[in-house]
N, C-alpha and C. Protein backbone atom coordinates (compact mmCIF):
# COMPACT_ATOMS: atom_id res chain seq x y z
N MET A 1 -29.16 -23.67 19.03
CA MET A 1 -30.43 -23.79 18.28
C MET A 1 -30.64 -25.08 17.59
N PRO A 2 -31.75 -25.62 16.89
CA PRO A 2 -32.92 -26.71 16.85
C PRO A 2 -32.15 -27.22 14.83
N ILE A 3 -32.11 -28.70 15.00
CA ILE A 3 -32.19 -28.99 13.20
C ILE A 3 -33.10 -28.94 12.93
N ILE A 4 -33.03 -28.67 11.75
CA ILE A 4 -34.19 -28.63 10.89
C ILE A 4 -34.61 -29.71 9.45
N GLU A 5 -35.41 -30.22 9.11
CA GLU A 5 -35.09 -31.67 8.49
C GLU A 5 -36.50 -31.19 7.57
N LEU A 6 -36.83 -32.52 6.67
CA LEU A 6 -37.32 -32.64 5.31
C LEU A 6 -38.01 -31.91 4.51
N ASP A 7 -39.48 -31.34 5.95
CA ASP A 7 -40.74 -30.34 5.16
C ASP A 7 -39.95 -29.14 5.29
N MET A 8 -39.47 -28.69 5.64
CA MET A 8 -39.47 -27.20 5.53
C MET A 8 -38.67 -27.19 4.44
N LEU A 9 -37.34 -27.84 4.12
CA LEU A 9 -36.38 -28.30 2.81
C LEU A 9 -36.94 -28.99 1.89
N ILE A 10 -38.22 -29.25 1.58
CA ILE A 10 -39.38 -29.23 0.15
C ILE A 10 -40.09 -27.69 -0.20
N ALA A 11 -40.32 -27.07 1.32
CA ALA A 11 -41.38 -26.56 1.21
C ALA A 11 -41.05 -25.24 1.07
N PHE A 12 -39.65 -25.19 1.11
CA PHE A 12 -38.76 -23.91 0.91
C PHE A 12 -38.34 -23.66 -0.99
N VAL A 13 -38.38 -24.62 -1.20
CA VAL A 13 -38.29 -24.82 -2.97
C VAL A 13 -39.49 -25.18 -3.80
N ASN A 14 -40.36 -25.64 -3.59
CA ASN A 14 -41.59 -25.44 -3.80
C ASN A 14 -42.27 -24.40 -3.81
N ALA A 15 -42.56 -23.12 -4.73
CA ALA A 15 -43.57 -22.75 -4.27
C ALA A 15 -44.84 -23.20 -4.28
N SER A 16 -45.28 -23.93 -4.95
CA SER A 16 -46.89 -24.65 -5.41
C SER A 16 -46.98 -25.68 -4.18
N ASP A 17 -46.21 -25.90 -2.80
CA ASP A 17 -46.37 -26.58 -1.66
C ASP A 17 -46.66 -25.66 -0.57
N SER A 18 -47.84 -26.30 0.40
CA SER A 18 -48.69 -25.56 0.72
C SER A 18 -48.27 -24.84 2.19
N LEU A 19 -46.97 -25.17 2.23
CA LEU A 19 -46.10 -24.76 3.20
C LEU A 19 -45.42 -23.73 3.00
N HIS A 20 -45.07 -23.41 1.57
CA HIS A 20 -43.89 -22.78 1.09
C HIS A 20 -43.95 -21.42 2.05
N ARG A 21 -44.67 -21.08 2.52
CA ARG A 21 -44.67 -19.22 2.61
C ARG A 21 -44.00 -19.61 4.29
N LEU A 22 -44.18 -20.66 4.88
CA LEU A 22 -44.00 -20.35 6.18
C LEU A 22 -42.85 -20.91 6.21
N ALA A 23 -42.42 -21.99 5.55
CA ALA A 23 -40.99 -22.23 5.37
C ALA A 23 -39.82 -21.16 4.54
N ASP A 24 -40.23 -20.63 3.87
CA ASP A 24 -39.23 -18.72 3.16
C ASP A 24 -39.48 -17.75 4.36
N ASN A 25 -39.76 -17.93 5.18
CA ASN A 25 -40.55 -16.64 5.80
C ASN A 25 -39.17 -17.25 6.93
N LEU A 26 -39.58 -18.75 7.06
CA LEU A 26 -37.97 -19.52 8.64
C LEU A 26 -36.85 -19.46 8.13
N PHE A 27 -36.69 -19.76 6.18
CA PHE A 27 -35.19 -19.43 6.34
C PHE A 27 -34.89 -17.80 6.25
N LYS A 28 -35.77 -16.48 6.10
CA LYS A 28 -36.01 -15.12 5.85
C LYS A 28 -35.19 -14.83 7.60
N LYS A 29 -35.34 -15.66 8.05
CA LYS A 29 -35.40 -15.98 9.59
C LYS A 29 -34.04 -16.19 9.75
N ILE A 30 -33.66 -17.51 9.38
CA ILE A 30 -32.21 -17.42 9.45
C ILE A 30 -30.97 -16.93 8.77
N THR A 31 -31.51 -16.62 7.31
CA THR A 31 -30.58 -15.92 6.90
C THR A 31 -30.37 -14.17 7.54
N ARG A 32 -31.11 -14.60 8.06
CA ARG A 32 -30.78 -13.32 8.75
C ARG A 32 -31.11 -12.68 9.52
N GLY A 33 -30.08 -13.75 10.90
CA GLY A 33 -29.82 -14.44 11.93
C GLY A 33 -30.47 -14.78 13.14
N GLU A 34 -32.01 -13.74 12.92
CA GLU A 34 -32.90 -14.28 14.22
C GLU A 34 -32.93 -15.15 14.24
N LEU A 35 -32.94 -16.42 14.10
CA LEU A 35 -32.98 -17.34 14.86
C LEU A 35 -31.26 -17.83 14.54
N ARG A 36 -30.90 -18.64 15.53
CA ARG A 36 -29.10 -19.08 15.95
C ARG A 36 -28.90 -20.22 15.33
N GLU A 37 -27.89 -20.80 15.53
CA GLU A 37 -27.49 -22.20 15.05
C GLU A 37 -28.38 -22.89 15.21
N VAL A 38 -28.78 -23.01 13.33
CA VAL A 38 -29.60 -24.14 12.73
C VAL A 38 -29.07 -24.74 12.22
N LYS A 39 -28.96 -25.62 12.07
CA LYS A 39 -28.89 -27.29 12.01
C LYS A 39 -29.47 -27.95 10.73
N VAL A 40 -29.05 -27.99 9.79
CA VAL A 40 -29.64 -29.35 8.37
C VAL A 40 -29.07 -30.32 8.96
N ALA A 41 -30.06 -31.66 9.43
CA ALA A 41 -29.36 -33.29 9.17
C ALA A 41 -28.85 -33.12 8.30
N SER A 42 -27.62 -34.62 8.43
CA SER A 42 -27.11 -34.68 7.03
C SER A 42 -28.27 -35.30 6.73
N SER A 43 -28.77 -35.79 6.96
CA SER A 43 -29.50 -37.34 6.57
C SER A 43 -30.78 -36.49 5.52
N ALA A 44 -31.47 -35.62 6.79
CA ALA A 44 -32.25 -34.71 5.45
C ALA A 44 -32.25 -34.63 4.51
N LEU A 45 -30.52 -33.81 3.70
CA LEU A 45 -30.50 -33.47 2.83
C LEU A 45 -30.13 -34.78 1.55
N LEU A 46 -29.74 -35.75 3.04
CA LEU A 46 -29.89 -37.69 1.36
C LEU A 46 -31.31 -37.87 1.53
N GLU A 47 -32.22 -37.35 2.47
CA GLU A 47 -33.45 -37.59 2.13
C GLU A 47 -34.63 -37.19 1.61
N TYR A 48 -33.73 -36.04 1.11
CA TYR A 48 -33.86 -34.05 0.36
C TYR A 48 -33.22 -34.76 -1.49
N GLU A 49 -32.90 -35.86 -1.59
CA GLU A 49 -31.95 -36.00 -2.46
C GLU A 49 -32.90 -37.48 -2.88
N LEU A 50 -33.01 -37.98 -2.06
CA LEU A 50 -33.98 -38.51 -2.53
C LEU A 50 -35.46 -39.14 -3.04
N VAL A 51 -35.83 -38.05 -2.12
CA VAL A 51 -37.64 -37.61 -2.74
C VAL A 51 -37.28 -36.93 -3.85
N LEU A 52 -36.24 -36.18 -4.04
CA LEU A 52 -36.47 -35.61 -5.71
C LEU A 52 -35.95 -36.49 -6.78
N ARG A 53 -35.29 -37.00 -6.53
CA ARG A 53 -34.60 -38.47 -7.38
C ARG A 53 -36.33 -39.37 -8.09
N SER A 54 -36.79 -39.71 -6.64
CA SER A 54 -37.91 -40.40 -6.96
C SER A 54 -39.48 -39.64 -8.15
N ARG A 55 -38.94 -37.96 -8.06
CA ARG A 55 -40.42 -37.20 -8.23
C ARG A 55 -39.47 -36.87 -10.01
N GLY A 56 -38.66 -37.43 -10.39
CA GLY A 56 -37.70 -37.51 -11.78
C GLY A 56 -36.65 -35.84 -11.59
N HIS A 57 -36.71 -35.57 -10.36
CA HIS A 57 -35.43 -34.38 -11.34
C HIS A 57 -34.19 -34.63 -10.99
N GLU A 58 -33.85 -33.67 -12.21
CA GLU A 58 -32.45 -33.88 -12.48
C GLU A 58 -31.34 -33.58 -11.34
N GLU A 59 -30.12 -34.48 -11.69
CA GLU A 59 -29.52 -34.62 -11.17
C GLU A 59 -28.60 -33.27 -10.29
N ARG A 60 -28.45 -32.16 -11.90
CA ARG A 60 -28.02 -31.08 -12.05
C ARG A 60 -28.42 -30.11 -11.12
N GLU A 61 -29.81 -30.50 -11.21
CA GLU A 61 -30.79 -29.55 -9.90
C GLU A 61 -30.83 -30.05 -8.43
N ILE A 62 -30.37 -31.40 -8.49
CA ILE A 62 -30.67 -31.75 -6.95
C ILE A 62 -29.44 -31.12 -6.14
N ARG A 63 -28.20 -31.12 -6.93
CA ARG A 63 -26.97 -30.60 -6.55
C ARG A 63 -27.13 -29.11 -6.46
N GLU A 64 -27.89 -28.48 -6.97
CA GLU A 64 -27.74 -27.19 -7.23
C GLU A 64 -28.88 -26.06 -5.86
N ASP A 65 -29.43 -27.13 -5.40
CA ASP A 65 -30.04 -27.17 -4.82
C ASP A 65 -29.56 -27.08 -3.32
N ILE A 66 -28.87 -28.11 -2.78
CA ILE A 66 -28.33 -28.87 -1.95
C ILE A 66 -26.94 -27.70 -1.60
N ARG A 67 -26.10 -27.27 -2.75
CA ARG A 67 -25.35 -26.25 -2.50
C ARG A 67 -25.84 -25.35 -1.96
N ALA A 68 -27.09 -24.63 -2.39
CA ALA A 68 -27.74 -23.45 -2.25
C ALA A 68 -28.27 -23.59 -0.71
N PHE A 69 -28.59 -25.08 -0.42
CA PHE A 69 -28.46 -25.08 1.44
C PHE A 69 -27.09 -24.61 1.92
N ASN A 70 -26.15 -25.15 1.62
CA ASN A 70 -25.12 -25.55 2.35
C ASN A 70 -24.41 -24.41 1.91
N MET A 71 -25.19 -23.38 0.91
CA MET A 71 -24.46 -21.63 1.02
C MET A 71 -25.39 -20.61 2.26
N MET A 72 -25.98 -21.33 2.60
CA MET A 72 -27.14 -20.20 3.46
C MET A 72 -26.49 -19.93 4.26
N PRO A 73 -26.26 -18.21 4.25
CA PRO A 73 -25.97 -17.92 5.39
C PRO A 73 -26.69 -17.93 6.67
N ASN A 74 -25.41 -18.69 8.37
CA ASN A 74 -26.42 -18.69 8.96
C ASN A 74 -26.52 -20.48 9.04
N LEU A 75 -26.83 -21.20 8.38
CA LEU A 75 -27.24 -22.41 8.79
C LEU A 75 -26.39 -23.58 7.69
N GLY A 76 -25.86 -24.39 9.36
CA GLY A 76 -25.37 -25.11 9.84
C GLY A 76 -25.40 -26.41 9.26
N GLU A 77 -24.73 -27.25 9.23
CA GLU A 77 -25.17 -28.95 8.84
C GLU A 77 -24.10 -30.04 9.85
N GLU A 78 -25.50 -30.48 10.30
CA GLU A 78 -25.00 -31.77 11.58
C GLU A 78 -25.19 -32.65 10.65
N PRO A 79 -23.81 -33.35 10.94
CA PRO A 79 -23.56 -34.88 10.15
C PRO A 79 -23.92 -36.14 10.54
N LEU A 80 -23.93 -37.04 9.80
CA LEU A 80 -25.17 -38.37 9.92
C LEU A 80 -24.03 -39.47 10.37
N THR A 81 -23.74 -39.29 11.74
CA THR A 81 -22.27 -40.32 12.31
C THR A 81 -23.73 -41.55 12.72
N ALA A 82 -21.81 -42.78 13.03
CA ALA A 82 -22.50 -43.95 13.37
C ALA A 82 -23.07 -43.90 15.21
N GLU A 83 -23.01 -43.03 15.51
CA GLU A 83 -23.66 -42.46 16.67
C GLU A 83 -24.93 -41.77 16.74
N VAL A 84 -25.73 -41.05 15.32
CA VAL A 84 -26.42 -40.58 15.35
C VAL A 84 -27.83 -42.12 14.37
N ILE A 85 -26.84 -43.26 13.70
CA ILE A 85 -27.41 -44.31 13.46
C ILE A 85 -28.21 -45.22 13.96
N LEU A 86 -26.78 -45.25 15.41
CA LEU A 86 -26.94 -45.93 16.82
C LEU A 86 -28.49 -45.65 17.42
N LYS A 87 -28.80 -44.11 17.34
CA LYS A 87 -29.83 -43.31 18.15
C LYS A 87 -30.32 -43.52 17.67
N ALA A 88 -30.74 -43.90 16.33
CA ALA A 88 -32.20 -43.68 15.90
C ALA A 88 -32.50 -45.34 15.79
N SER A 89 -31.67 -46.20 15.40
CA SER A 89 -32.16 -47.55 15.58
C SER A 89 -32.64 -47.85 16.99
N GLU A 90 -32.47 -47.24 18.09
CA GLU A 90 -33.07 -46.90 19.45
C GLU A 90 -34.38 -46.13 19.44
N ILE A 91 -34.37 -46.03 18.90
CA ILE A 91 -35.76 -44.66 18.63
C ILE A 91 -37.08 -45.30 17.79
N ARG A 92 -36.22 -46.06 17.54
CA ARG A 92 -37.61 -47.12 15.81
C ARG A 92 -37.82 -48.06 17.12
N GLU A 93 -37.03 -48.45 17.50
CA GLU A 93 -37.46 -49.92 18.52
C GLU A 93 -38.62 -49.07 19.55
N LYS A 94 -38.33 -48.15 20.28
CA LYS A 94 -39.61 -47.60 21.04
C LYS A 94 -40.96 -46.80 20.58
N HIS A 95 -40.57 -45.70 19.58
CA HIS A 95 -41.36 -45.19 18.72
C HIS A 95 -41.79 -45.54 17.36
N SER A 96 -42.89 -44.88 17.02
CA SER A 96 -43.56 -45.07 15.45
C SER A 96 -43.34 -44.13 14.41
N LEU A 97 -41.51 -43.91 14.55
CA LEU A 97 -41.00 -42.95 13.06
C LEU A 97 -40.57 -43.46 12.48
N SER A 98 -40.71 -43.17 11.07
CA SER A 98 -40.05 -43.68 9.86
C SER A 98 -38.46 -44.17 10.07
N TYR A 99 -38.35 -44.20 9.20
CA TYR A 99 -36.54 -44.74 8.69
C TYR A 99 -35.91 -43.02 9.69
N PHE A 100 -36.68 -42.36 8.51
CA PHE A 100 -35.72 -40.94 8.02
C PHE A 100 -36.16 -40.24 9.54
N ASP A 101 -37.12 -40.02 9.54
CA ASP A 101 -37.59 -39.14 10.99
C ASP A 101 -36.95 -39.63 11.70
N SER A 102 -36.33 -40.52 12.50
CA SER A 102 -35.78 -41.08 13.09
C SER A 102 -34.35 -40.70 13.42
N LEU A 103 -33.87 -41.15 12.05
CA LEU A 103 -32.12 -40.18 11.96
C LEU A 103 -32.26 -38.50 12.31
N HIS A 104 -33.14 -38.13 11.73
CA HIS A 104 -32.94 -36.57 13.00
C HIS A 104 -33.69 -36.43 12.99
N CYS A 105 -34.37 -36.96 13.97
CA CYS A 105 -34.67 -37.32 15.69
C CYS A 105 -33.44 -37.14 16.16
N ALA A 106 -32.15 -38.63 16.02
CA ALA A 106 -31.50 -38.16 16.85
C ALA A 106 -30.47 -37.31 16.14
N THR A 107 -29.80 -37.06 15.52
CA THR A 107 -29.37 -36.33 15.02
C THR A 107 -29.97 -34.49 15.91
N ALA A 108 -30.77 -34.71 16.13
CA ALA A 108 -31.81 -33.37 17.66
C ALA A 108 -31.51 -33.63 18.62
N ILE A 109 -31.46 -34.74 19.35
CA ILE A 109 -31.30 -35.41 20.52
C ILE A 109 -30.00 -35.04 20.52
N LEU A 110 -28.76 -35.69 19.83
CA LEU A 110 -27.22 -35.75 19.96
C LEU A 110 -26.66 -34.11 20.09
N PHE A 111 -27.58 -33.02 19.15
CA PHE A 111 -26.96 -31.50 18.77
C PHE A 111 -27.71 -31.13 19.63
N ASP A 112 -29.11 -30.61 19.93
CA ASP A 112 -29.63 -30.38 21.63
C ASP A 112 -30.99 -30.62 22.08
N GLY A 113 -31.35 -31.51 21.05
CA GLY A 113 -32.19 -31.77 21.40
C GLY A 113 -33.83 -30.80 20.96
N GLU A 114 -33.48 -30.81 19.92
CA GLU A 114 -34.79 -29.28 19.45
C GLU A 114 -34.88 -29.82 17.93
N ILE A 115 -35.86 -29.98 17.61
CA ILE A 115 -35.73 -30.17 16.04
C ILE A 115 -37.08 -28.77 15.40
N ILE A 116 -37.02 -28.21 14.24
CA ILE A 116 -38.10 -27.92 13.67
C ILE A 116 -38.75 -28.42 12.12
N SER A 117 -40.21 -28.93 12.81
CA SER A 117 -40.63 -29.88 11.98
C SER A 117 -42.18 -29.20 11.88
N ILE A 118 -42.74 -29.79 11.08
CA ILE A 118 -44.48 -29.58 11.45
C ILE A 118 -44.72 -31.05 11.65
N ASP A 119 -44.17 -32.14 11.68
CA ASP A 119 -44.53 -33.10 11.90
C ASP A 119 -44.72 -33.79 13.28
N CYS A 120 -45.82 -34.05 13.30
CA CYS A 120 -46.43 -34.49 15.37
C CYS A 120 -45.66 -35.62 15.55
N ALA A 121 -44.98 -36.82 14.84
CA ALA A 121 -44.67 -37.66 15.18
C ALA A 121 -43.36 -37.46 16.35
N TYR A 122 -42.81 -36.22 16.02
CA TYR A 122 -41.75 -36.17 17.30
C TYR A 122 -42.48 -35.79 18.38
N ASP A 123 -43.53 -35.41 18.72
CA ASP A 123 -43.85 -35.17 19.88
C ASP A 123 -43.89 -36.47 20.62
N ASP A 124 -43.95 -37.57 20.67
CA ASP A 124 -44.15 -38.80 20.57
C ASP A 124 -42.35 -39.19 21.30
N VAL A 125 -41.52 -39.24 21.17
CA VAL A 125 -39.97 -39.37 21.70
C VAL A 125 -40.17 -37.64 22.86
N PRO A 126 -40.07 -38.19 23.80
CA PRO A 126 -39.27 -37.48 24.73
C PRO A 126 -38.11 -36.54 25.35
N GLU A 127 -37.64 -37.24 24.63
CA GLU A 127 -36.03 -36.93 24.65
C GLU A 127 -36.06 -35.49 23.30
N VAL A 128 -36.87 -35.47 23.00
CA VAL A 128 -36.31 -34.58 21.16
C VAL A 128 -37.73 -33.18 21.94
N SER A 129 -37.71 -32.25 21.76
CA SER A 129 -38.50 -31.10 21.60
C SER A 129 -38.76 -30.50 19.86
N ARG A 130 -40.05 -30.58 19.89
CA ARG A 130 -40.45 -30.13 18.31
C ARG A 130 -40.98 -28.47 18.40
N LEU A 131 -40.55 -28.10 18.09
CA LEU A 131 -40.70 -26.30 17.41
C LEU A 131 -41.52 -25.82 16.33
N ASP A 132 -42.77 -25.61 16.88
CA ASP A 132 -43.59 -26.02 14.90
C ASP A 132 -43.03 -24.53 14.62
N PRO A 133 -42.88 -24.70 13.29
CA PRO A 133 -42.04 -23.47 12.78
C PRO A 133 -43.17 -22.90 12.32
N ARG A 134 -44.22 -23.09 12.32
CA ARG A 134 -45.71 -21.76 12.32
C ARG A 134 -45.35 -20.91 13.43
N LEU A 135 -45.10 -20.80 14.56
CA LEU A 135 -44.84 -20.26 16.03
C LEU A 135 -43.31 -19.30 15.81
N LEU A 136 -42.74 -19.79 15.25
CA LEU A 136 -41.04 -19.47 15.08
C LEU A 136 -41.12 -17.72 14.86
């Protein structure tokens, strides 16, 4: 199964996010084992931390959130490696993905070629298949 990136992480913890219900249902399916071998890209956790810090969240709160993702049943983590960074650089040369999106995309390509996201930018990268969480 696929890599999950930032959009669903943010939506899951933010009850006022327009995608919260979708993210909540997605994570319920993961914890119940209905979606198997789903992993969070380490780059998504890093981006999560940066986004929350930029919004003024306390360090303690950010740590609690990341620990909660880390302890979630049936949700693994795919590490940020030199190979991921190199692949992300290649992706940015060919496609118009942001820095972090290229890292998430590279992680997915090197893992199993699938990424769970609502971000259509991944559709332009032929090496990865985007799984729309609304369809899972």
